[in-house]
């Protein structure tokens, strides 16, 4: 995934109200993106992605108001999880849960589910 694909997915999503790119680096072979996305119903998504020929780092932090809803990331800690390094933090839970590797499309689908369950 390149940052241009992430930006394109966000720009074309019907749940995105505003996309603010805070930092974009495209210096092949490395790309990085920091963005703040305002979503419907008061959700905010903070994105940090970087990708290179042999690595991909990400953090997708979803919140509503001051409350953290979920944060998906692949920071290399929590080595006991079967999906290491991929994991998700939910709300105020101290320990993360297992998670597959995720991309922006997965996060947008998850937010759409939240929106449809809270009409």
PDB file of N, CA and C in Angstrom:
ATOM      1  N   UNK A   1       0.864  -1.183   0.000  1.00  0.00           N
ATOM      2  CA  UNK A   1       0.000   0.000   0.000  1.00  0.00           C
ATOM      3  C   UNK A   1       0.894   1.224   0.000  1.00  0.00           C
ATOM      4  N   UNK A   2       0.550   2.168  -0.832  1.00  0.00           N
ATOM      5  CA  UNK A   2       1.274   3.440  -0.869  1.00  0.00           C
ATOM      6  C   UNK A   2       0.408   4.507  -0.215  1.00  0.00           C
ATOM      7  N   UNK A   3       1.036   5.604   0.160  1.00  0.00           N
ATOM      8  CA  UNK A   3       0.239   6.652   0.799  1.00  0.00           C
ATOM      9  C   UNK A   3      -0.776   7.244  -0.168  1.00  0.00           C
ATOM     10  N   UNK A   4      -0.470   7.230  -1.451  1.00  0.00           N
ATOM     11  CA  UNK A   4      -1.454   7.757  -2.407  1.00  0.00           C
ATOM     12  C   UNK A   4      -2.712   6.884  -2.424  1.00  0.00           C
ATOM     13  N   UNK A   5      -2.567   5.570  -2.217  1.00  0.00           N
ATOM     14  CA  UNK A   5      -3.743   4.694  -2.152  1.00  0.00           C
ATOM     15  C   UNK A   5      -4.537   4.951  -0.877  1.00  0.00           C
ATOM     16  N   UNK A   6      -3.839   5.207   0.204  1.00  0.00           N
ATOM     17  CA  UNK A   6      -4.524   5.528   1.454  1.00  0.00           C
ATOM     18  C   UNK A   6      -5.311   6.826   1.311  1.00  0.00           C
ATOM     19  N   UNK A   7      -4.676   7.845   0.768  1.00  0.00           N
ATOM     20  CA  UNK A   7      -5.343   9.134   0.566  1.00  0.00           C
ATOM     21  C   UNK A   7      -6.523   8.981  -0.387  1.00  0.00           C
ATOM     22  N   UNK A   8      -6.369   8.202  -1.445  1.00  0.00           N
ATOM     23  CA  UNK A   8      -7.458   7.982  -2.402  1.00  0.00           C
ATOM     24  C   UNK A   8      -8.637   7.271  -1.734  1.00  0.00           C
ATOM     25  N   UNK A   9      -8.357   6.260  -0.909  1.00  0.00           N
ATOM     26  CA  UNK A   9      -9.429   5.537  -0.215  1.00  0.00           C
ATOM     27  C   UNK A   9     -10.186   6.469   0.724  1.00  0.00           C
ATOM     28  N   UNK A  10      -9.459   7.313   1.424  1.00  0.00           N
ATOM     29  CA  UNK A  10     -10.103   8.262   2.331  1.00  0.00           C
ATOM     30  C   UNK A  10     -10.900   9.309   1.562  1.00  0.00           C
ATOM     31  N   UNK A  11     -10.324   9.817   0.486  1.00  0.00           N
ATOM     32  CA  UNK A  11     -10.973  10.875  -0.298  1.00  0.00           C
ATOM     33  C   UNK A  11     -12.258  10.397  -0.951  1.00  0.00           C
ATOM     34  N   UNK A  12     -12.352   9.117  -1.245  1.00  0.00           N
ATOM     35  CA  UNK A  12     -13.541   8.593  -1.926  1.00  0.00           C
ATOM     36  C   UNK A  12     -14.565   7.989  -0.964  1.00  0.00           C
ATOM     37  N   UNK A  13     -14.282   7.968   0.317  1.00  0.00           N
ATOM     38  CA  UNK A  13     -15.197   7.361   1.279  1.00  0.00           C
ATOM     39  C   UNK A  13     -16.319   8.319   1.657  1.00  0.00           C
ATOM     40  N   UNK A  14     -17.537   7.808   1.686  1.00  0.00           N
ATOM     41  CA  UNK A  14     -18.696   8.633   2.030  1.00  0.00           C
ATOM     42  C   UNK A  14     -18.767   8.954   3.518  1.00  0.00           C
ATOM     43  N   UNK A  15     -17.970   8.301   4.353  1.00  0.00           N
ATOM     44  CA  UNK A  15     -18.010   8.600   5.788  1.00  0.00           C
ATOM     45  C   UNK A  15     -16.959   9.627   6.198  1.00  0.00           C
ATOM     46  N   UNK A  16     -16.104  10.019   5.268  1.00  0.00           N
ATOM     47  CA  UNK A  16     -15.060  11.007   5.562  1.00  0.00           C
ATOM     48  C   UNK A  16     -15.609  12.406   5.306  1.00  0.00           C
ATOM     49  N   UNK A  17     -15.571  13.244   6.333  1.00  0.00           N
ATOM     50  CA  UNK A  17     -16.012  14.629   6.197  1.00  0.00           C
ATOM     51  C   UNK A  17     -14.846  15.553   5.865  1.00  0.00           C
ATOM     52  N   UNK A  18     -13.675  15.273   6.455  1.00  0.00           N
ATOM     53  CA  UNK A  18     -12.501  16.114   6.198  1.00  0.00           C
ATOM     54  C   UNK A  18     -11.235  15.271   6.348  1.00  0.00           C
ATOM     55  N   UNK A  19     -10.333  15.465   5.417  1.00  0.00           N
ATOM     56  CA  UNK A  19      -9.024  14.813   5.458  1.00  0.00           C
ATOM     57  C   UNK A  19      -7.972  15.902   5.556  1.00  0.00           C
ATOM     58  N   UNK A  20      -7.204  15.861   6.631  1.00  0.00           N
ATOM     59  CA  UNK A  20      -6.140  16.834   6.815  1.00  0.00           C
ATOM     60  C   UNK A  20      -4.813  16.074   6.834  1.00  0.00           C
ATOM     61  N   UNK A  21      -4.018  16.243   5.772  1.00  0.00           N
ATOM     62  CA  UNK A  21      -2.704  15.610   5.709  1.00  0.00           C
ATOM     63  C   UNK A  21      -1.733  16.497   6.476  1.00  0.00           C
ATOM     64  N   UNK A  22      -1.188  15.958   7.549  1.00  0.00           N
ATOM     65  CA  UNK A  22      -0.261  16.706   8.387  1.00  0.00           C
ATOM     66  C   UNK A  22       1.173  16.584   7.887  1.00  0.00           C
ATOM     67  N   UNK A  23       1.486  15.419   7.329  1.00  0.00           N
ATOM     68  CA  UNK A  23       2.826  15.199   6.789  1.00  0.00           C
ATOM     69  C   UNK A  23       2.745  14.105   5.732  1.00  0.00           C
ATOM     70  N   UNK A  24       3.381  14.345   4.616  1.00  0.00           N
ATOM     71  CA  UNK A  24       3.470  13.336   3.560  1.00  0.00           C
ATOM     72  C   UNK A  24       4.898  13.344   3.032  1.00  0.00           C
ATOM     73  N   UNK A  25       5.494  12.186   3.020  1.00  0.00           N
ATOM     74  CA  UNK A  25       6.849  12.031   2.500  1.00  0.00           C
ATOM     75  C   UNK A  25       6.818  10.971   1.418  1.00  0.00           C
ATOM     76  N   UNK A  26       7.283  11.351   0.261  1.00  0.00           N
ATOM     77  CA  UNK A  26       7.375  10.403  -0.842  1.00  0.00           C
ATOM     78  C   UNK A  26       8.780  10.526  -1.396  1.00  0.00           C
ATOM     79  N   UNK A  27       9.660   9.769  -0.838  1.00  0.00           N
ATOM     80  CA  UNK A  27      11.056   9.742  -1.270  1.00  0.00           C
ATOM     81  C   UNK A  27      11.412   8.304  -1.561  1.00  0.00           C
ATOM     82  N   UNK A  28      11.049   7.838  -2.764  1.00  0.00           N
ATOM     83  CA  UNK A  28      11.254   6.426  -3.052  1.00  0.00           C
ATOM     84  C   UNK A  28      12.629   5.962  -2.615  1.00  0.00           C
ATOM     85  N   UNK A  29      12.668   4.821  -1.979  1.00  0.00           N
ATOM     86  CA  UNK A  29      11.589   3.835  -1.839  1.00  0.00           C
ATOM     87  C   UNK A  29      10.748   3.980  -0.571  1.00  0.00           C
ATOM     88  N   UNK A  30      10.915   5.042   0.211  1.00  0.00           N
ATOM     89  CA  UNK A  30      10.182   5.198   1.471  1.00  0.00           C
ATOM     90  C   UNK A  30       9.055   6.217   1.306  1.00  0.00           C
ATOM     91  N   UNK A  31       7.899   5.881   1.901  1.00  0.00           N
ATOM     92  CA  UNK A  31       6.764   6.797   1.913  1.00  0.00           C
ATOM     93  C   UNK A  31       6.215   6.851   3.335  1.00  0.00           C
ATOM     94  N   UNK A  32       5.716   8.012   3.730  1.00  0.00           N
ATOM     95  CA  UNK A  32       5.135   8.156   5.066  1.00  0.00           C
ATOM     96  C   UNK A  32       3.966   9.131   5.020  1.00  0.00           C
ATOM     97  N   UNK A  33       3.009   8.896   5.889  1.00  0.00           N
ATOM     98  CA  UNK A  33       1.813   9.732   5.954  1.00  0.00           C
ATOM     99  C   UNK A  33       1.399   9.910   7.404  1.00  0.00           C
ATOM    100  N   UNK A  34       1.122  11.147   7.774  1.00  0.00           N
ATOM    101  CA  UNK A  34       0.455  11.461   9.032  1.00  0.00           C
ATOM    102  C   UNK A  34      -0.769  12.265   8.644  1.00  0.00           C
ATOM    103  N   UNK A  35      -1.932  11.834   9.122  1.00  0.00           N
ATOM    104  CA  UNK A  35      -3.168  12.509   8.752  1.00  0.00           C
ATOM    105  C   UNK A  35      -4.159  12.462   9.903  1.00  0.00           C
ATOM    106  N   UNK A  36      -5.055  13.438   9.884  1.00  0.00           N
ATOM    107  CA  UNK A  36      -6.174  13.487  10.832  1.00  0.00           C
ATOM    108  C   UNK A  36      -7.438  13.553   9.988  1.00  0.00           C
ATOM    109  N   UNK A  37      -8.333  12.613  10.243  1.00  0.00           N
ATOM    110  CA  UNK A  37      -9.536  12.472   9.428  1.00  0.00           C
ATOM    111  C   UNK A  37     -10.764  12.664  10.307  1.00  0.00           C
ATOM    112  N   UNK A  38     -11.617  13.590   9.910  1.00  0.00           N
ATOM    113  CA  UNK A  38     -12.886  13.782  10.594  1.00  0.00           C
ATOM    114  C   UNK A  38     -13.916  12.928   9.880  1.00  0.00           C
ATOM    115  N   UNK A  39     -14.563  12.065  10.652  1.00  0.00           N
ATOM    116  CA  UNK A  39     -15.555  11.136  10.107  1.00  0.00           C
ATOM    117  C   UNK A  39     -16.947  11.526  10.581  1.00  0.00           C
ATOM    118  N   UNK A  40     -17.948  10.913  10.012  1.00  0.00           N
ATOM    119  CA  UNK A  40     -19.324  11.163  10.420  1.00  0.00           C
ATOM    120  C   UNK A  40     -19.519  10.849  11.893  1.00  0.00           C
ATOM    121  N   UNK A  41     -20.527  11.456  12.479  1.00  0.00           N
ATOM    122  CA  UNK A  41     -20.954  11.232  13.864  1.00  0.00           C
ATOM    123  C   UNK A  41     -19.884  11.557  14.902  1.00  0.00           C
ATOM    124  N   UNK A  42     -18.958  12.442  14.570  1.00  0.00           N
ATOM    125  CA  UNK A  42     -17.984  12.901  15.556  1.00  0.00           C
ATOM    126  C   UNK A  42     -16.774  12.021  15.761  1.00  0.00           C
ATOM    127  N   UNK A  43     -16.591  11.021  14.923  1.00  0.00           N
ATOM    128  CA  UNK A  43     -15.402  10.173  15.032  1.00  0.00           C
ATOM    129  C   UNK A  43     -14.203  10.875  14.396  1.00  0.00           C
ATOM    130  N   UNK A  44     -13.039  10.661  14.986  1.00  0.00           N
ATOM    131  CA  UNK A  44     -11.771  11.178  14.467  1.00  0.00           C
ATOM    132  C   UNK A  44     -10.840   9.988  14.285  1.00  0.00           C
ATOM    133  N   UNK A  45     -10.147   9.959  13.164  1.00  0.00           N
ATOM    134  CA  UNK A  45      -9.175   8.909  12.892  1.00  0.00           C
ATOM    135  C   UNK A  45      -7.819   9.560  12.683  1.00  0.00           C
ATOM    136  N   UNK A  46      -6.858   9.166  13.497  1.00  0.00           N
ATOM    137  CA  UNK A  46      -5.485   9.646  13.348  1.00  0.00           C
ATOM    138  C   UNK A  46      -4.699   8.525  12.669  1.00  0.00           C
ATOM    139  N   UNK A  47      -3.971   8.870  11.639  1.00  0.00           N
ATOM    140  CA  UNK A  47      -3.257   7.880  10.841  1.00  0.00           C
ATOM    141  C   UNK A  47      -1.765   8.187  10.839  1.00  0.00           C
ATOM    142  N   UNK A  48      -0.978   7.155  11.073  1.00  0.00           N
ATOM    143  CA  UNK A  48       0.468   7.197  10.892  1.00  0.00           C
ATOM    144  C   UNK A  48       0.844   5.948  10.117  1.00  0.00           C
ATOM    145  N   UNK A  49       1.377   6.132   8.931  1.00  0.00           N
ATOM    146  CA  UNK A  49       1.804   5.014   8.098  1.00  0.00           C
ATOM    147  C   UNK A  49       3.180   5.313   7.531  1.00  0.00           C
ATOM    148  N   UNK A  50       3.987   4.298   7.443  1.00  0.00           N
ATOM    149  CA  UNK A  50       5.238   4.415   6.699  1.00  0.00           C
ATOM    150  C   UNK A  50       5.508   3.063   6.061  1.00  0.00           C
ATOM    151  N   UNK A  51       6.029   3.127   4.860  1.00  0.00           N
ATOM    152  CA  UNK A  51       6.262   1.903   4.101  1.00  0.00           C
ATOM    153  C   UNK A  51       7.554   2.037   3.313  1.00  0.00           C
ATOM    154  N   UNK A  52       8.261   0.949   3.214  1.00  0.00           N
ATOM    155  CA  UNK A  52       9.495   0.889   2.450  1.00  0.00           C
ATOM    156  C   UNK A  52       9.616  -0.484   1.823  1.00  0.00           C
ATOM    157  N   UNK A  53      10.730  -0.771   1.188  1.00  0.00           N
ATOM    158  CA  UNK A  53      10.866  -2.045   0.482  1.00  0.00           C
ATOM    159  C   UNK A  53      10.760  -3.263   1.395  1.00  0.00           C
ATOM    160  N   UNK A  54      11.162  -3.141   2.649  1.00  0.00           N
ATOM    161  CA  UNK A  54      11.141  -4.301   3.531  1.00  0.00           C
ATOM    162  C   UNK A  54      10.454  -4.020   4.869  1.00  0.00           C
ATOM    163  N   UNK A  55       9.588  -3.015   4.918  1.00  0.00           N
ATOM    164  CA  UNK A  55       8.863  -2.737   6.158  1.00  0.00           C
ATOM    165  C   UNK A  55       7.563  -2.007   5.882  1.00  0.00           C
ATOM    166  N   UNK A  56       6.645  -2.146   6.826  1.00  0.00           N
ATOM    167  CA  UNK A  56       5.402  -1.368   6.852  1.00  0.00           C
ATOM    168  C   UNK A  56       5.060  -1.146   8.314  1.00  0.00           C
ATOM    169  N   UNK A  57       4.927   0.100   8.695  1.00  0.00           N
ATOM    170  CA  UNK A  57       4.552   0.469  10.059  1.00  0.00           C
ATOM    171  C   UNK A  57       3.245   1.259   9.972  1.00  0.00           C
ATOM    172  N   UNK A  58       2.344   0.980  10.909  1.00  0.00           N
ATOM    173  CA  UNK A  58       1.088   1.728  10.895  1.00  0.00           C
ATOM    174  C   UNK A  58       0.502   1.856  12.292  1.00  0.00           C
ATOM    175  N   UNK A  59      -0.295   2.891  12.421  1.00  0.00           N
ATOM    176  CA  UNK A  59      -1.130   3.097  13.589  1.00  0.00           C
ATOM    177  C   UNK A  59      -2.373   3.844  13.116  1.00  0.00           C
ATOM    178  N   UNK A  60      -3.534   3.263  13.395  1.00  0.00           N
ATOM    179  CA  UNK A  60      -4.818   3.892  13.087  1.00  0.00           C
ATOM    180  C   UNK A  60      -5.540   4.061  14.421  1.00  0.00           C
ATOM    181  N   UNK A  61      -5.687   5.295  14.862  1.00  0.00           N
ATOM    182  CA  UNK A  61      -6.245   5.606  16.178  1.00  0.00           C
ATOM    183  C   UNK A  61      -7.626   6.227  15.987  1.00  0.00           C
ATOM    184  N   UNK A  62      -8.663   5.503  16.404  1.00  0.00           N
ATOM    185  CA  UNK A  62     -10.042   5.962  16.267  1.00  0.00           C
ATOM    186  C   UNK A  62     -10.550   6.444  17.614  1.00  0.00           C
ATOM    187  N   UNK A  63     -11.086   7.659  17.622  1.00  0.00           N
ATOM    188  CA  UNK A  63     -11.641   8.195  18.851  1.00  0.00           C
ATOM    189  C   UNK A  63     -12.928   8.941  18.564  1.00  0.00           C
ATOM    190  N   UNK A  64     -13.680   9.172  19.631  1.00  0.00           N
ATOM    191  CA  UNK A  64     -14.888   9.990  19.552  1.00  0.00           C
ATOM    192  C   UNK A  64     -14.846  10.901  20.760  1.00  0.00           C
ATOM    193  N   UNK A  65     -14.775  12.205  20.514  1.00  0.00           N
ATOM    194  CA  UNK A  65     -14.547  13.138  21.607  1.00  0.00           C
ATOM    195  C   UNK A  65     -13.165  12.854  22.181  1.00  0.00           C
ATOM    196  N   UNK A  66     -13.095  12.742  23.497  1.00  0.00           N
ATOM    197  CA  UNK A  66     -11.829  12.412  24.149  1.00  0.00           C
ATOM    198  C   UNK A  66     -11.659  10.916  24.376  1.00  0.00           C
ATOM    199  N   UNK A  67     -12.651  10.118  23.999  1.00  0.00           N
ATOM    200  CA  UNK A  67     -12.608   8.680  24.268  1.00  0.00           C
ATOM    201  C   UNK A  67     -11.958   7.916  23.112  1.00  0.00           C
ATOM    202  N   UNK A  68     -10.955   7.120  23.462  1.00  0.00           N
ATOM    203  CA  UNK A  68     -10.343   6.254  22.468  1.00  0.00           C
ATOM    204  C   UNK A  68     -11.258   5.056  22.247  1.00  0.00           C
ATOM    205  N   UNK A  69     -11.600   4.799  20.988  1.00  0.00           N
ATOM    206  CA  UNK A  69     -12.461   3.671  20.653  1.00  0.00           C
ATOM    207  C   UNK A  69     -11.586   2.441  20.376  1.00  0.00           C
ATOM    208  N   UNK A  70     -10.682   2.585  19.390  1.00  0.00           N
ATOM    209  CA  UNK A  70      -9.760   1.499  19.033  1.00  0.00           C
ATOM    210  C   UNK A  70      -8.489   2.097  18.436  1.00  0.00           C
ATOM    211  N   UNK A  71      -7.404   1.346  18.597  1.00  0.00           N
ATOM    212  CA  UNK A  71      -6.169   1.707  17.890  1.00  0.00           C
ATOM    213  C   UNK A  71      -5.539   0.412  17.395  1.00  0.00           C
ATOM    214  N   UNK A  72      -5.403   0.340  16.082  1.00  0.00           N
ATOM    215  CA  UNK A  72      -4.753  -0.782  15.437  1.00  0.00           C
ATOM    216  C   UNK A  72      -3.314  -0.375  15.152  1.00  0.00           C
ATOM    217  N   UNK A  73      -2.370  -1.233  15.492  1.00  0.00           N
ATOM    218  CA  UNK A  73      -0.987  -0.910  15.141  1.00  0.00           C
ATOM    219  C   UNK A  73      -0.152  -2.173  15.059  1.00  0.00           C
ATOM    220  N   UNK A  74       1.060  -2.003  14.582  1.00  0.00           N
ATOM    221  CA  UNK A  74       1.990  -3.126  14.479  1.00  0.00           C
ATOM    222  C   UNK A  74       3.323  -2.786  15.129  1.00  0.00           C
ATOM    223  N   UNK A  75       3.247  -2.009  16.201  1.00  0.00           N
ATOM    224  CA  UNK A  75       4.439  -1.718  16.975  1.00  0.00           C
ATOM    225  C   UNK A  75       4.944  -3.043  17.556  1.00  0.00           C
ATOM    226  N   UNK A  76       6.237  -3.314  17.479  1.00  0.00           N
ATOM    227  CA  UNK A  76       6.737  -4.653  17.824  1.00  0.00           C
ATOM    228  C   UNK A  76       6.878  -4.912  19.325  1.00  0.00           C
ATOM    229  N   UNK A  77       5.776  -4.812  20.025  1.00  0.00           N
ATOM    230  CA  UNK A  77       5.737  -5.251  21.418  1.00  0.00           C
ATOM    231  C   UNK A  77       4.585  -6.238  21.531  1.00  0.00           C
ATOM    232  N   UNK A  78       4.232  -6.684  22.680  1.00  0.00           N
ATOM    233  CA  UNK A  78       3.188  -7.690  22.881  1.00  0.00           C
ATOM    234  C   UNK A  78       3.531  -8.979  22.127  1.00  0.00           C
ATOM    235  N   UNK A  79       4.736  -9.467  22.347  1.00  0.00           N
ATOM    236  CA  UNK A  79       5.256 -10.628  21.615  1.00  0.00           C
ATOM    237  C   UNK A  79       4.513 -11.922  21.899  1.00  0.00           C
ATOM    238  N   UNK A  80       3.707 -11.971  22.940  1.00  0.00           N
ATOM    239  CA  UNK A  80       2.969 -13.191  23.257  1.00  0.00           C
ATOM    240  C   UNK A  80       1.703 -13.372  22.413  1.00  0.00           C
ATOM    241  N   UNK A  81       1.292 -12.350  21.695  1.00  0.00           N
ATOM    242  CA  UNK A  81       0.093 -12.460  20.863  1.00  0.00           C
ATOM    243  C   UNK A  81       0.382 -13.310  19.634  1.00  0.00           C
ATOM    244  N   UNK A  82      -0.569 -14.155  19.263  1.00  0.00           N
ATOM    245  CA  UNK A  82      -0.400 -15.013  18.085  1.00  0.00           C
ATOM    246  C   UNK A  82      -0.228 -14.202  16.806  1.00  0.00           C
ATOM    247  N   UNK A  83      -0.795 -13.013  16.769  1.00  0.00           N
ATOM    248  CA  UNK A  83      -0.731 -12.192  15.551  1.00  0.00           C
ATOM    249  C   UNK A  83       0.418 -11.187  15.587  1.00  0.00           C
ATOM    250  N   UNK A  84       1.348 -11.349  16.530  1.00  0.00           N
ATOM    251  CA  UNK A  84       2.489 -10.430  16.651  1.00  0.00           C
ATOM    252  C   UNK A  84       3.102 -10.165  15.286  1.00  0.00           C
ATOM    253  N   UNK A  85       3.358  -8.888  14.941  1.00  0.00           N
ATOM    254  CA  UNK A  85       3.255  -7.686  15.767  1.00  0.00           C
ATOM    255  C   UNK A  85       1.897  -6.993  15.674  1.00  0.00           C
ATOM    256  N   UNK A  86       0.957  -7.575  14.937  1.00  0.00           N
ATOM    257  CA  UNK A  86      -0.335  -6.921  14.696  1.00  0.00           C
ATOM    258  C   UNK A  86      -1.244  -7.080  15.914  1.00  0.00           C
ATOM    259  N   UNK A  87      -1.859  -5.961  16.338  1.00  0.00           N
ATOM    260  CA  UNK A  87      -2.757  -5.996  17.487  1.00  0.00           C
ATOM    261  C   UNK A  87      -3.684  -4.788  17.470  1.00  0.00           C
ATOM    262  N   UNK A  88      -4.699  -4.838  18.331  1.00  0.00           N
ATOM    263  CA  UNK A  88      -5.658  -3.742  18.450  1.00  0.00           C
ATOM    264  C   UNK A  88      -5.882  -3.446  19.927  1.00  0.00           C
ATOM    265  N   UNK A  89      -5.896  -2.168  20.260  1.00  0.00           N
ATOM    266  CA  UNK A  89      -6.220  -1.698  21.604  1.00  0.00           C
ATOM    267  C   UNK A  89      -7.676  -1.251  21.564  1.00  0.00           C
ATOM    268  N   UNK A  90      -8.464  -1.688  22.547  1.00  0.00           N
ATOM    269  CA  UNK A  90      -9.881  -1.335  22.578  1.00  0.00           C
ATOM    270  C   UNK A  90     -10.183  -0.504  23.810  1.00  0.00           C
ATOM    271  N   UNK A  91     -10.738   0.670  23.594  1.00  0.00           N
ATOM    272  CA  UNK A  91     -11.132   1.534  24.698  1.00  0.00           C
ATOM    273  C   UNK A  91     -10.015   1.737  25.699  1.00  0.00           C
ATOM    274  N   UNK A  92     -10.328   1.534  26.962  1.00  0.00           N
ATOM    275  CA  UNK A  92      -9.351   1.730  28.030  1.00  0.00           C
ATOM    276  C   UNK A  92      -8.721   0.424  28.506  1.00  0.00           C
ATOM    277  N   UNK A  93      -8.920  -0.670  27.760  1.00  0.00           N
ATOM    278  CA  UNK A  93      -8.342  -1.945  28.158  1.00  0.00           C
ATOM    279  C   UNK A  93      -6.818  -1.850  28.158  1.00  0.00           C
ATOM    280  N   UNK A  94      -6.198  -2.389  29.188  1.00  0.00           N
ATOM    281  CA  UNK A  94      -4.737  -2.312  29.322  1.00  0.00           C
ATOM    282  C   UNK A  94      -4.022  -3.209  28.320  1.00  0.00           C
ATOM    283  N   UNK A  95      -4.565  -4.391  28.077  1.00  0.00           N
ATOM    284  CA  UNK A  95      -3.926  -5.356  27.187  1.00  0.00           C
ATOM    285  C   UNK A  95      -4.580  -5.307  25.806  1.00  0.00           C
ATOM    286  N   UNK A  96      -3.779  -5.345  24.755  1.00  0.00           N
ATOM    287  CA  UNK A  96      -4.356  -5.369  23.413  1.00  0.00           C
ATOM    288  C   UNK A  96      -4.881  -6.758  23.061  1.00  0.00           C
ATOM    289  N   UNK A  97      -5.632  -6.823  21.989  1.00  0.00           N
ATOM    290  CA  UNK A  97      -6.176  -8.076  21.462  1.00  0.00           C
ATOM    291  C   UNK A  97      -5.461  -8.419  20.161  1.00  0.00           C
ATOM    292  N   UNK A  98      -5.548  -9.676  19.792  1.00  0.00           N
ATOM    293  CA  UNK A  98      -4.986 -10.109  18.514  1.00  0.00           C
ATOM    294  C   UNK A  98      -5.742  -9.449  17.377  1.00  0.00           C
ATOM    295  N   UNK A  99      -5.028  -9.218  16.284  1.00  0.00           N
ATOM    296  CA  UNK A  99      -5.627  -8.591  15.108  1.00  0.00           C
ATOM    297  C   UNK A  99      -4.823  -8.999  13.888  1.00  0.00           C
ATOM    298  N   UNK A 100      -5.487  -9.203  12.760  1.00  0.00           N
ATOM    299  CA  UNK A 100      -4.715  -9.405  11.540  1.00  0.00           C
ATOM    300  C   UNK A 100      -4.090  -8.075  11.114  1.00  0.00           C
ATOM    301  N   UNK A 101      -3.194  -8.118  10.164  1.00  0.00           N
ATOM    302  CA  UNK A 101      -2.677  -6.883   9.584  1.00  0.00           C
ATOM    303  C   UNK A 101      -3.854  -6.145   8.957  1.00  0.00           C
ATOM    304  N   UNK A 102      -3.915  -4.829   9.161  1.00  0.00           N
ATOM    305  CA  UNK A 102      -5.021  -4.045   8.617  1.00  0.00           C
ATOM    306  C   UNK A 102      -4.503  -2.945   7.695  1.00  0.00           C
ATOM    307  N   UNK A 103      -5.398  -2.520   6.829  1.00  0.00           N
ATOM    308  CA  UNK A 103      -5.145  -1.427   5.894  1.00  0.00           C
ATOM    309  C   UNK A 103      -6.297  -0.435   6.048  1.00  0.00           C
ATOM    310  N   UNK A 104      -6.191   0.710   5.423  1.00  0.00           N
ATOM    311  CA  UNK A 104      -7.194   1.762   5.607  1.00  0.00           C
ATOM    312  C   UNK A 104      -8.601   1.289   5.223  1.00  0.00           C
ATOM    313  N   UNK A 105      -8.711   0.448   4.205  1.00  0.00           N
ATOM    314  CA  UNK A 105     -10.033  -0.056   3.806  1.00  0.00           C
ATOM    315  C   UNK A 105     -10.681  -0.850   4.938  1.00  0.00           C
ATOM    316  N   UNK A 106      -9.875  -1.618   5.677  1.00  0.00           N
ATOM    317  CA  UNK A 106     -10.397  -2.380   6.821  1.00  0.00           C
ATOM    318  C   UNK A 106     -10.916  -1.442   7.904  1.00  0.00           C
ATOM    319  N   UNK A 107     -10.185  -0.370   8.142  1.00  0.00           N
ATOM    320  CA  UNK A 107     -10.585   0.585   9.178  1.00  0.00           C
ATOM    321  C   UNK A 107     -11.881   1.286   8.769  1.00  0.00           C
ATOM    322  N   UNK A 108     -11.983   1.688   7.525  1.00  0.00           N
ATOM    323  CA  UNK A 108     -13.206   2.341   7.053  1.00  0.00           C
ATOM    324  C   UNK A 108     -14.411   1.405   7.160  1.00  0.00           C
ATOM    325  N   UNK A 109     -14.229   0.118   6.844  1.00  0.00           N
ATOM    326  CA  UNK A 109     -15.316  -0.850   7.005  1.00  0.00           C
ATOM    327  C   UNK A 109     -15.738  -0.956   8.474  1.00  0.00           C
ATOM    328  N   UNK A 110     -14.763  -0.980   9.368  1.00  0.00           N
ATOM    329  CA  UNK A 110     -15.043  -1.066  10.800  1.00  0.00           C
ATOM    330  C   UNK A 110     -15.837   0.157  11.270  1.00  0.00           C
ATOM    331  N   UNK A 111     -15.454   1.333  10.819  1.00  0.00           N
ATOM    332  CA  UNK A 111     -16.171   2.552  11.218  1.00  0.00           C
ATOM    333  C   UNK A 111     -17.588   2.539  10.648  1.00  0.00           C
ATOM    334  N   UNK A 112     -17.759   2.056   9.421  1.00  0.00           N
ATOM    335  CA  UNK A 112     -19.110   1.959   8.849  1.00  0.00           C
ATOM    336  C   UNK A 112     -19.992   1.063   9.689  1.00  0.00           C
ATOM    337  N   UNK A 113     -19.441  -0.032  10.219  1.00  0.00           N
ATOM    338  CA  UNK A 113     -20.206  -0.917  11.101  1.00  0.00           C
ATOM    339  C   UNK A 113     -20.620  -0.174  12.370  1.00  0.00           C
ATOM    340  N   UNK A 114     -19.684   0.601  12.942  1.00  0.00           N
ATOM    341  CA  UNK A 114     -20.016   1.388  14.129  1.00  0.00           C
ATOM    342  C   UNK A 114     -21.135   2.380  13.845  1.00  0.00           C
ATOM    343  N   UNK A 115     -21.051   3.034  12.701  1.00  0.00           N
ATOM    344  CA  UNK A 115     -22.054   4.034  12.334  1.00  0.00           C
ATOM    345  C   UNK A 115     -23.432   3.383  12.138  1.00  0.00           C
ATOM    346  N   UNK A 116     -23.462   2.205  11.528  1.00  0.00           N
ATOM    347  CA  UNK A 116     -24.749   1.541  11.277  1.00  0.00           C
ATOM    348  C   UNK A 116     -25.343   0.955  12.552  1.00  0.00           C
ATOM    349  N   UNK A 117     -24.505   0.659  13.548  1.00  0.00           N
ATOM    350  CA  UNK A 117     -25.034   0.121  14.804  1.00  0.00           C
ATOM    351  C   UNK A 117     -25.473   1.220  15.761  1.00  0.00           C
ATOM    352  N   UNK A 118     -25.148   2.476  15.439  1.00  0.00           N
ATOM    353  CA  UNK A 118     -25.544   3.638  16.259  1.00  0.00           C
ATOM    354  C   UNK A 118     -26.296   4.643  15.399  1.00  0.00           C
ATOM    355  N   UNK A 119     -27.501   4.284  14.967  1.00  0.00           N
ATOM    356  CA  UNK A 119     -28.234   5.204  14.062  1.00  0.00           C
ATOM    357  C   UNK A 119     -28.638   6.490  14.715  1.00  0.00           C
TER     358      UNK A 119
END
